[in-house]
Amino acid sequence: MDPAQMGMNGVAGMKYNMRAMAKLYESLSKSCFKKCVTRFSQPDLSVGELTCVDRCTLKFISTAQLVSEGMQTAHEQEMKQQQAMQQLGQQRPF
């Protein structure tokens, strides 16, 4: 792969990551707002609502990070298995 193609893949990867982060933020906002904000009579969040939003956000991001790490580990294992299969295929004459 030439450097221009690698640069394009890097840009595409960055765009994908930005879209994923935007979706994560949107999901987090909707979920935590629905769960935590119960009163609309006040212009500001109550202490209880703020605490709930803080905890909800922390849990949501921690869960997303754990899922991401698990997917990364699974992907790395899959890549290792593919490399091992390729090496076996190269060692055995047909």
PDB file of N, CA and C in Angstrom:
ATOM      1  N   MET A   1       0.849  -1.174   0.000  1.00  0.00           N
ATOM      2  CA  MET A   1       0.000   0.000   0.000  1.00  0.00           C
ATOM      3  C   MET A   1       0.895   1.237   0.000  1.00  0.00           C
ATOM      4  N   ASP A   2       0.595   2.161  -0.895  1.00  0.00           N
ATOM      5  CA  ASP A   2       1.432   3.342  -0.963  1.00  0.00           C
ATOM      6  C   ASP A   2       1.016   4.359   0.105  1.00  0.00           C
ATOM      7  N   PRO A   3       1.880   5.340   0.394  1.00  0.00           N
ATOM      8  CA  PRO A   3       1.592   6.312   1.459  1.00  0.00           C
ATOM      9  C   PRO A   3       0.292   7.072   1.250  1.00  0.00           C
ATOM     10  N   ALA A   4      -0.084   7.360   0.000  1.00  0.00           N
ATOM     11  CA  ALA A   4      -1.329   8.086  -0.260  1.00  0.00           C
ATOM     12  C   ALA A   4      -2.534   7.254   0.181  1.00  0.00           C
ATOM     13  N   GLN A   5      -2.497   5.954  -0.111  1.00  0.00           N
ATOM     14  CA  GLN A   5      -3.589   5.076   0.311  1.00  0.00           C
ATOM     15  C   GLN A   5      -3.629   4.962   1.826  1.00  0.00           C
ATOM     16  N   MET A   6      -2.463   4.880   2.445  1.00  0.00           N
ATOM     17  CA  MET A   6      -2.415   4.786   3.896  1.00  0.00           C
ATOM     18  C   MET A   6      -3.004   6.049   4.518  1.00  0.00           C
ATOM     19  N   GLY A   7      -2.715   7.201   3.917  1.00  0.00           N
ATOM     20  CA  GLY A   7      -3.262   8.455   4.412  1.00  0.00           C
ATOM     21  C   GLY A   7      -4.770   8.495   4.295  1.00  0.00           C
ATOM     22  N   MET A   8      -5.296   7.968   3.190  1.00  0.00           N
ATOM     23  CA  MET A   8      -6.736   7.925   2.993  1.00  0.00           C
ATOM     24  C   MET A   8      -7.398   7.003   4.018  1.00  0.00           C
ATOM     25  N   ASN A   9      -6.763   5.855   4.279  1.00  0.00           N
ATOM     26  CA  ASN A   9      -7.307   4.952   5.284  1.00  0.00           C
ATOM     27  C   ASN A   9      -7.298   5.604   6.658  1.00  0.00           C
ATOM     28  N   GLY A  10      -6.262   6.385   6.951  1.00  0.00           N
ATOM     29  CA  GLY A  10      -6.195   7.087   8.221  1.00  0.00           C
ATOM     30  C   GLY A  10      -7.304   8.104   8.357  1.00  0.00           C
ATOM     31  N   VAL A  11      -7.603   8.826   7.280  1.00  0.00           N
ATOM     32  CA  VAL A  11      -8.683   9.810   7.288  1.00  0.00           C
ATOM     33  C   VAL A  11     -10.018   9.099   7.447  1.00  0.00           C
ATOM     34  N   ALA A  12     -10.210   8.003   6.721  1.00  0.00           N
ATOM     35  CA  ALA A  12     -11.455   7.246   6.826  1.00  0.00           C
ATOM     36  C   ALA A  12     -11.627   6.706   8.246  1.00  0.00           C
ATOM     37  N   GLY A  13     -10.534   6.232   8.828  1.00  0.00           N
ATOM     38  CA  GLY A  13     -10.587   5.730  10.197  1.00  0.00           C
ATOM     39  C   GLY A  13     -10.940   6.828  11.188  1.00  0.00           C
ATOM     40  N   MET A  14     -10.384   7.999  10.972  1.00  0.00           N
ATOM     41  CA  MET A  14     -10.690   9.129  11.850  1.00  0.00           C
ATOM     42  C   MET A  14     -12.158   9.527  11.722  1.00  0.00           C
ATOM     43  N   LYS A  15     -12.664   9.539  10.487  1.00  0.00           N
ATOM     44  CA  LYS A  15     -14.076   9.879  10.272  1.00  0.00           C
ATOM     45  C   LYS A  15     -14.972   8.844  10.953  1.00  0.00           C
ATOM     46  N   TYR A  16     -14.621   7.570  10.817  1.00  0.00           N
ATOM     47  CA  TYR A  16     -15.392   6.507  11.456  1.00  0.00           C
ATOM     48  C   TYR A  16     -15.399   6.700  12.970  1.00  0.00           C
ATOM     49  N   ASN A  17     -14.230   6.983  13.546  1.00  0.00           N
ATOM     50  CA  ASN A  17     -14.126   7.189  14.993  1.00  0.00           C
ATOM     51  C   ASN A  17     -14.942   8.396  15.449  1.00  0.00           C
ATOM     52  N   MET A  18     -14.933   9.452  14.655  1.00  0.00           N
ATOM     53  CA  MET A  18     -15.712  10.645  15.007  1.00  0.00           C
ATOM     54  C   MET A  18     -17.210  10.333  14.989  1.00  0.00           C
ATOM     55  N   ARG A  19     -17.660   9.593  13.969  1.00  0.00           N
ATOM     56  CA  ARG A  19     -19.077   9.214  13.910  1.00  0.00           C
ATOM     57  C   ARG A  19     -19.443   8.313  15.086  1.00  0.00           C
ATOM     58  N   ALA A  20     -18.557   7.394  15.425  1.00  0.00           N
ATOM     59  CA  ALA A  20     -18.818   6.497  16.553  1.00  0.00           C
ATOM     60  C   ALA A  20     -18.906   7.279  17.859  1.00  0.00           C
ATOM     61  N   MET A  21     -18.030   8.238  18.040  1.00  0.00           N
ATOM     62  CA  MET A  21     -18.070   9.057  19.260  1.00  0.00           C
ATOM     63  C   MET A  21     -19.343   9.910  19.306  1.00  0.00           C
ATOM     64  N   ALA A  22     -19.753  10.432  18.160  1.00  0.00           N
ATOM     65  CA  ALA A  22     -20.979  11.227  18.109  1.00  0.00           C
ATOM     66  C   ALA A  22     -22.190  10.362  18.469  1.00  0.00           C
ATOM     67  N   LYS A  23     -22.223   9.129  17.958  1.00  0.00           N
ATOM     68  CA  LYS A  23     -23.323   8.215  18.291  1.00  0.00           C
ATOM     69  C   LYS A  23     -23.302   7.853  19.768  1.00  0.00           C
ATOM     70  N   LEU A  24     -22.108   7.620  20.303  1.00  0.00           N
ATOM     71  CA  LEU A  24     -21.972   7.310  21.724  1.00  0.00           C
ATOM     72  C   LEU A  24     -22.492   8.469  22.569  1.00  0.00           C
ATOM     73  N   TYR A  25     -22.110   9.681  22.222  1.00  0.00           N
ATOM     74  CA  TYR A  25     -22.554  10.871  22.968  1.00  0.00           C
ATOM     75  C   TYR A  25     -24.066  11.024  22.874  1.00  0.00           C
ATOM     76  N   GLU A  26     -24.605  10.801  21.683  1.00  0.00           N
ATOM     77  CA  GLU A  26     -26.054  10.922  21.506  1.00  0.00           C
ATOM     78  C   GLU A  26     -26.793   9.881  22.351  1.00  0.00           C
ATOM     79  N   SER A  27     -26.315   8.655  22.328  1.00  0.00           N
ATOM     80  CA  SER A  27     -26.941   7.596  23.120  1.00  0.00           C
ATOM     81  C   SER A  27     -26.837   7.889  24.609  1.00  0.00           C
ATOM     82  N   LEU A  28     -25.665   8.335  25.025  1.00  0.00           N
ATOM     83  CA  LEU A  28     -25.449   8.682  26.428  1.00  0.00           C
ATOM     84  C   LEU A  28     -26.401   9.795  26.843  1.00  0.00           C
ATOM     85  N   SER A  29     -26.495  10.830  26.041  1.00  0.00           N
ATOM     86  CA  SER A  29     -27.352  11.970  26.377  1.00  0.00           C
ATOM     87  C   SER A  29     -28.808  11.556  26.502  1.00  0.00           C
ATOM     88  N   LYS A  30     -29.284  10.795  25.526  1.00  0.00           N
ATOM     89  CA  LYS A  30     -30.688  10.364  25.551  1.00  0.00           C
ATOM     90  C   LYS A  30     -30.969   9.463  26.740  1.00  0.00           C
ATOM     91  N   SER A  31     -30.098   8.490  26.950  1.00  0.00           N
ATOM     92  CA  SER A  31     -30.311   7.515  28.013  1.00  0.00           C
ATOM     93  C   SER A  31     -30.283   8.161  29.391  1.00  0.00           C
ATOM     94  N   CYS A  32     -29.249   8.941  29.651  1.00  0.00           N
ATOM     95  CA  CYS A  32     -29.108   9.552  30.971  1.00  0.00           C
ATOM     96  C   CYS A  32     -30.170  10.627  31.207  1.00  0.00           C
ATOM     97  N   PHE A  33     -30.538  11.380  30.170  1.00  0.00           N
ATOM     98  CA  PHE A  33     -31.586  12.392  30.330  1.00  0.00           C
ATOM     99  C   PHE A  33     -32.903  11.711  30.680  1.00  0.00           C
ATOM    100  N   LYS A  34     -33.239  10.661  29.936  1.00  0.00           N
ATOM    101  CA  LYS A  34     -34.496   9.944  30.171  1.00  0.00           C
ATOM    102  C   LYS A  34     -34.540   9.352  31.578  1.00  0.00           C
ATOM    103  N   LYS A  35     -33.410   8.829  32.025  1.00  0.00           N
ATOM    104  CA  LYS A  35     -33.345   8.179  33.330  1.00  0.00           C
ATOM    105  C   LYS A  35     -33.334   9.182  34.481  1.00  0.00           C
ATOM    106  N   CYS A  36     -32.627  10.286  34.316  1.00  0.00           N
ATOM    107  CA  CYS A  36     -32.327  11.157  35.454  1.00  0.00           C
ATOM    108  C   CYS A  36     -33.166  12.427  35.570  1.00  0.00           C
ATOM    109  N   VAL A  37     -33.576  12.985  34.486  1.00  0.00           N
ATOM    110  CA  VAL A  37     -34.294  14.265  34.544  1.00  0.00           C
ATOM    111  C   VAL A  37     -35.783  13.977  34.650  1.00  0.00           C
ATOM    112  N   THR A  38     -36.337  14.332  35.795  1.00  0.00           N
ATOM    113  CA  THR A  38     -37.736  14.009  36.058  1.00  0.00           C
ATOM    114  C   THR A  38     -38.617  15.238  36.230  1.00  0.00           C
ATOM    115  N   ARG A  39     -38.000  16.368  36.547  1.00  0.00           N
ATOM    116  CA  ARG A  39     -38.791  17.583  36.791  1.00  0.00           C
ATOM    117  C   ARG A  39     -38.398  18.638  35.774  1.00  0.00           C
ATOM    118  N   PHE A  40     -39.399  19.261  35.226  1.00  0.00           N
ATOM    119  CA  PHE A  40     -39.143  20.297  34.226  1.00  0.00           C
ATOM    120  C   PHE A  40     -39.629  21.666  34.691  1.00  0.00           C
ATOM    121  N   SER A  41     -39.980  21.767  35.966  1.00  0.00           N
ATOM    122  CA  SER A  41     -40.483  23.035  36.495  1.00  0.00           C
ATOM    123  C   SER A  41     -39.361  24.003  36.866  1.00  0.00           C
ATOM    124  N   GLN A  42     -38.153  23.514  37.009  1.00  0.00           N
ATOM    125  CA  GLN A  42     -37.006  24.340  37.384  1.00  0.00           C
ATOM    126  C   GLN A  42     -36.080  24.510  36.181  1.00  0.00           C
ATOM    127  N   PRO A  43     -35.430  25.671  36.060  1.00  0.00           N
ATOM    128  CA  PRO A  43     -34.530  25.873  34.915  1.00  0.00           C
ATOM    129  C   PRO A  43     -33.220  25.082  35.025  1.00  0.00           C
ATOM    130  N   ASP A  44     -32.848  24.710  36.245  1.00  0.00           N
ATOM    131  CA  ASP A  44     -31.601  23.976  36.467  1.00  0.00           C
ATOM    132  C   ASP A  44     -31.906  22.579  36.994  1.00  0.00           C
ATOM    133  N   LEU A  45     -30.927  21.692  36.845  1.00  0.00           N
ATOM    134  CA  LEU A  45     -31.072  20.353  37.403  1.00  0.00           C
ATOM    135  C   LEU A  45     -30.945  20.407  38.921  1.00  0.00           C
ATOM    136  N   SER A  46     -31.687  19.524  39.588  1.00  0.00           N
ATOM    137  CA  SER A  46     -31.572  19.433  41.045  1.00  0.00           C
ATOM    138  C   SER A  46     -30.286  18.687  41.393  1.00  0.00           C
ATOM    139  N   VAL A  47     -29.928  18.710  42.660  1.00  0.00           N
ATOM    140  CA  VAL A  47     -28.734  18.000  43.112  1.00  0.00           C
ATOM    141  C   VAL A  47     -28.871  16.510  42.811  1.00  0.00           C
ATOM    142  N   GLY A  48     -30.036  15.957  43.055  1.00  0.00           N
ATOM    143  CA  GLY A  48     -30.280  14.539  42.789  1.00  0.00           C
ATOM    144  C   GLY A  48     -30.147  14.219  41.305  1.00  0.00           C
ATOM    145  N   GLU A  49     -30.679  15.094  40.458  1.00  0.00           N
ATOM    146  CA  GLU A  49     -30.578  14.893  39.014  1.00  0.00           C
ATOM    147  C   GLU A  49     -29.125  14.987  38.551  1.00  0.00           C
ATOM    148  N   LEU A  50     -28.399  15.961  39.085  1.00  0.00           N
ATOM    149  CA  LEU A  50     -26.982  16.100  38.730  1.00  0.00           C
ATOM    150  C   LEU A  50     -26.184  14.864  39.130  1.00  0.00           C
ATOM    151  N   THR A  51     -26.445  14.367  40.340  1.00  0.00           N
ATOM    152  CA  THR A  51     -25.759  13.164  40.815  1.00  0.00           C
ATOM    153  C   THR A  51     -26.086  11.976  39.918  1.00  0.00           C
ATOM    154  N   CYS A  52     -27.355  11.850  39.565  1.00  0.00           N
ATOM    155  CA  CYS A  52     -27.782  10.760  38.694  1.00  0.00           C
ATOM    156  C   CYS A  52     -27.094  10.850  37.331  1.00  0.00           C
ATOM    157  N   VAL A  53     -27.049  12.046  36.762  1.00  0.00           N
ATOM    158  CA  VAL A  53     -26.414  12.240  35.448  1.00  0.00           C
ATOM    159  C   VAL A  53     -24.927  11.898  35.538  1.00  0.00           C
ATOM    160  N   ASP A  54     -24.258  12.334  36.598  1.00  0.00           N
ATOM    161  CA  ASP A  54     -22.835  12.009  36.772  1.00  0.00           C
ATOM    162  C   ASP A  54     -22.616  10.498  36.823  1.00  0.00           C
ATOM    163  N   ARG A  55     -23.404   9.816  37.626  1.00  0.00           N
ATOM    164  CA  ARG A  55     -23.253   8.359  37.762  1.00  0.00           C
ATOM    165  C   ARG A  55     -23.605   7.643  36.463  1.00  0.00           C
ATOM    166  N   CYS A  56     -24.682   8.075  35.834  1.00  0.00           N
ATOM    167  CA  CYS A  56     -25.113   7.464  34.582  1.00  0.00           C
ATOM    168  C   CYS A  56     -24.040   7.621  33.510  1.00  0.00           C
ATOM    169  N   THR A  57     -23.477   8.807  33.412  1.00  0.00           N
ATOM    170  CA  THR A  57     -22.432   9.076  32.425  1.00  0.00           C
ATOM    171  C   THR A  57     -21.214   8.205  32.676  1.00  0.00           C
ATOM    172  N   LEU A  58     -20.803   8.119  33.920  1.00  0.00           N
ATOM    173  CA  LEU A  58     -19.648   7.291  34.271  1.00  0.00           C
ATOM    174  C   LEU A  58     -19.890   5.825  33.913  1.00  0.00           C
ATOM    175  N   LYS A  59     -21.063   5.317  34.261  1.00  0.00           N
ATOM    176  CA  LYS A  59     -21.384   3.919  33.953  1.00  0.00           C
ATOM    177  C   LYS A  59     -21.442   3.688  32.440  1.00  0.00           C
ATOM    178  N   PHE A  60     -22.051   4.609  31.736  1.00  0.00           N
ATOM    179  CA  PHE A  60     -22.205   4.473  30.287  1.00  0.00           C
ATOM    180  C   PHE A  60     -20.834   4.444  29.609  1.00  0.00           C
ATOM    181  N   ILE A  61     -19.966   5.376  29.979  1.00  0.00           N
ATOM    182  CA  ILE A  61     -18.640   5.453  29.365  1.00  0.00           C
ATOM    183  C   ILE A  61     -17.787   4.254  29.782  1.00  0.00           C
ATOM    184  N   SER A  62     -17.866   3.846  31.037  1.00  0.00           N
ATOM    185  CA  SER A  62     -17.105   2.678  31.494  1.00  0.00           C
ATOM    186  C   SER A  62     -17.534   1.424  30.747  1.00  0.00           C
ATOM    187  N   THR A  63     -18.827   1.270  30.556  1.00  0.00           N
ATOM    188  CA  THR A  63     -19.339   0.117  29.823  1.00  0.00           C
ATOM    189  C   THR A  63     -18.881   0.156  28.369  1.00  0.00           C
ATOM    190  N   ALA A  64     -18.976   1.313  27.742  1.00  0.00           N
ATOM    191  CA  ALA A  64     -18.535   1.447  26.351  1.00  0.00           C
ATOM    192  C   ALA A  64     -17.052   1.122  26.221  1.00  0.00           C
ATOM    193  N   GLN A  65     -16.258   1.539  27.188  1.00  0.00           N
ATOM    194  CA  GLN A  65     -14.825   1.263  27.161  1.00  0.00           C
ATOM    195  C   GLN A  65     -14.552  -0.236  27.315  1.00  0.00           C
ATOM    196  N   LEU A  66     -15.272  -0.895  28.223  1.00  0.00           N
ATOM    197  CA  LEU A  66     -15.099  -2.337  28.405  1.00  0.00           C
ATOM    198  C   LEU A  66     -15.480  -3.107  27.141  1.00  0.00           C
ATOM    199  N   VAL A  67     -16.579  -2.712  26.520  1.00  0.00           N
ATOM    200  CA  VAL A  67     -17.002  -3.363  25.278  1.00  0.00           C
ATOM    201  C   VAL A  67     -15.958  -3.148  24.192  1.00  0.00           C
ATOM    202  N   SER A  68     -15.455  -1.923  24.087  1.00  0.00           N
ATOM    203  CA  SER A  68     -14.441  -1.610  23.081  1.00  0.00           C
ATOM    204  C   SER A  68     -13.176  -2.437  23.298  1.00  0.00           C
ATOM    205  N   GLU A  69     -12.742  -2.545  24.540  1.00  0.00           N
ATOM    206  CA  GLU A  69     -11.545  -3.336  24.848  1.00  0.00           C
ATOM    207  C   GLU A  69     -11.774  -4.813  24.527  1.00  0.00           C
ATOM    208  N   GLY A  70     -12.957  -5.318  24.843  1.00  0.00           N
ATOM    209  CA  GLY A  70     -13.284  -6.702  24.529  1.00  0.00           C
ATOM    210  C   GLY A  70     -13.291  -6.959  23.035  1.00  0.00           C
ATOM    211  N   MET A  71     -13.846  -6.026  22.287  1.00  0.00           N
ATOM    212  CA  MET A  71     -13.871  -6.166  20.831  1.00  0.00           C
ATOM    213  C   MET A  71     -12.455  -6.095  20.260  1.00  0.00           C
ATOM    214  N   GLN A  72     -11.628  -5.229  20.805  1.00  0.00           N
ATOM    215  CA  GLN A  72     -10.244  -5.104  20.350  1.00  0.00           C
ATOM    216  C   GLN A  72      -9.484  -6.401  20.613  1.00  0.00           C
ATOM    217  N   THR A  73      -9.668  -6.969  21.790  1.00  0.00           N
ATOM    218  CA  THR A  73      -9.004  -8.228  22.127  1.00  0.00           C
ATOM    219  C   THR A  73      -9.461  -9.347  21.193  1.00  0.00           C
ATOM    220  N   ALA A  74     -10.755  -9.414  20.947  1.00  0.00           N
ATOM    221  CA  ALA A  74     -11.288 -10.440  20.043  1.00  0.00           C
ATOM    222  C   ALA A  74     -10.738 -10.257  18.635  1.00  0.00           C
ATOM    223  N   HIS A  75     -10.636  -9.019  18.200  1.00  0.00           N
ATOM    224  CA  HIS A  75     -10.094  -8.730  16.864  1.00  0.00           C
ATOM    225  C   HIS A  75      -8.622  -9.147  16.781  1.00  0.00           C
ATOM    226  N   GLU A  76      -7.855  -8.834  17.807  1.00  0.00           N
ATOM    227  CA  GLU A  76      -6.439  -9.214  17.826  1.00  0.00           C
ATOM    228  C   GLU A  76      -6.281 -10.727  17.796  1.00  0.00           C
ATOM    229  N   GLN A  77      -7.112 -11.448  18.538  1.00  0.00           N
ATOM    230  CA  GLN A  77      -7.043 -12.906  18.543  1.00  0.00           C
ATOM    231  C   GLN A  77      -7.400 -13.462  17.159  1.00  0.00           C
ATOM    232  N   GLU A  78      -8.410 -12.881  16.547  1.00  0.00           N
ATOM    233  CA  GLU A  78      -8.808 -13.313  15.211  1.00  0.00           C
ATOM    234  C   GLU A  78      -7.683 -13.091  14.204  1.00  0.00           C
ATOM    235  N   MET A  79      -7.014 -11.957  14.310  1.00  0.00           N
ATOM    236  CA  MET A  79      -5.900 -11.660  13.407  1.00  0.00           C
ATOM    237  C   MET A  79      -4.760 -12.663  13.614  1.00  0.00           C
ATOM    238  N   LYS A  80      -4.460 -13.007  14.858  1.00  0.00           N
ATOM    239  CA  LYS A  80      -3.418 -13.986  15.148  1.00  0.00           C
ATOM    240  C   LYS A  80      -3.778 -15.347  14.562  1.00  0.00           C
ATOM    241  N   GLN A  81      -5.048 -15.728  14.694  1.00  0.00           N
ATOM    242  CA  GLN A  81      -5.488 -17.003  14.142  1.00  0.00           C
ATOM    243  C   GLN A  81      -5.362 -17.010  12.620  1.00  0.00           C
ATOM    244  N   GLN A  82      -5.725 -15.908  11.988  1.00  0.00           N
ATOM    245  CA  GLN A  82      -5.607 -15.818  10.535  1.00  0.00           C
ATOM    246  C   GLN A  82      -4.149 -15.904  10.103  1.00  0.00           C
ATOM    247  N   GLN A  83      -3.265 -15.237  10.831  1.00  0.00           N
ATOM    248  CA  GLN A  83      -1.842 -15.296  10.510  1.00  0.00           C
ATOM    249  C   GLN A  83      -1.312 -16.720  10.682  1.00  0.00           C
ATOM    250  N   ALA A  84      -1.735 -17.398  11.734  1.00  0.00           N
ATOM    251  CA  ALA A  84      -1.295 -18.771  11.962  1.00  0.00           C
ATOM    252  C   ALA A  84      -1.789 -19.682  10.841  1.00  0.00           C
ATOM    253  N   MET A  85      -3.025 -19.488  10.408  1.00  0.00           N
ATOM    254  CA  MET A  85      -3.574 -20.293   9.313  1.00  0.00           C
ATOM    255  C   MET A  85      -2.809 -20.026   8.013  1.00  0.00           C
ATOM    256  N   GLN A  86      -2.466 -18.774   7.767  1.00  0.00           N
ATOM    257  CA  GLN A  86      -1.711 -18.428   6.571  1.00  0.00           C
ATOM    258  C   GLN A  86      -0.328 -19.066   6.611  1.00  0.00           C
ATOM    259  N   GLN A  87       0.301 -19.041   7.772  1.00  0.00           N
ATOM    260  CA  GLN A  87       1.633 -19.652   7.904  1.00  0.00           C
ATOM    261  C   GLN A  87       1.558 -21.159   7.695  1.00  0.00           C
ATOM    262  N   LEU A  88       0.520 -21.786   8.200  1.00  0.00           N
ATOM    263  CA  LEU A  88       0.353 -23.223   7.979  1.00  0.00           C
ATOM    264  C   LEU A  88       0.133 -23.522   6.507  1.00  0.00           C
ATOM    265  N   GLY A  89      -0.645 -22.688   5.851  1.00  0.00           N
ATOM    266  CA  GLY A  89      -0.902 -22.867   4.430  1.00  0.00           C
ATOM    267  C   GLY A  89       0.366 -22.692   3.590  1.00  0.00           C
ATOM    268  N   GLN A  90       1.257 -21.826   4.014  1.00  0.00           N
ATOM    269  CA  GLN A  90       2.495 -21.591   3.290  1.00  0.00           C
ATOM    270  C   GLN A  90       3.496 -22.716   3.540  1.00  0.00           C
ATOM    271  N   GLN A  91       3.409 -23.373   4.677  1.00  0.00           N
ATOM    272  CA  GLN A  91       4.359 -24.438   5.015  1.00  0.00           C
ATOM    273  C   GLN A  91       4.010 -25.749   4.326  1.00  0.00           C
ATOM    274  N   ARG A  92       2.735 -25.985   4.047  1.00  0.00           N
ATOM    275  CA  ARG A  92       2.305 -27.256   3.464  1.00  0.00           C
ATOM    276  C   ARG A  92       2.165 -27.115   1.947  1.00  0.00           C
ATOM    277  N   PRO A  93       2.876 -27.918   1.207  1.00  0.00           N
ATOM    278  CA  PRO A  93       2.698 -27.889  -0.247  1.00  0.00           C
ATOM    279  C   PRO A  93       1.402 -28.607  -0.621  1.00  0.00           C
ATOM    280  N   PHE A  94       0.757 -28.106  -1.674  1.00  0.00           N
ATOM    281  CA  PHE A  94      -0.520 -28.708  -2.108  1.00  0.00           C
ATOM    282  C   PHE A  94      -0.288 -29.705  -3.173  1.00  0.00           C
TER     283      PHE A  94
END
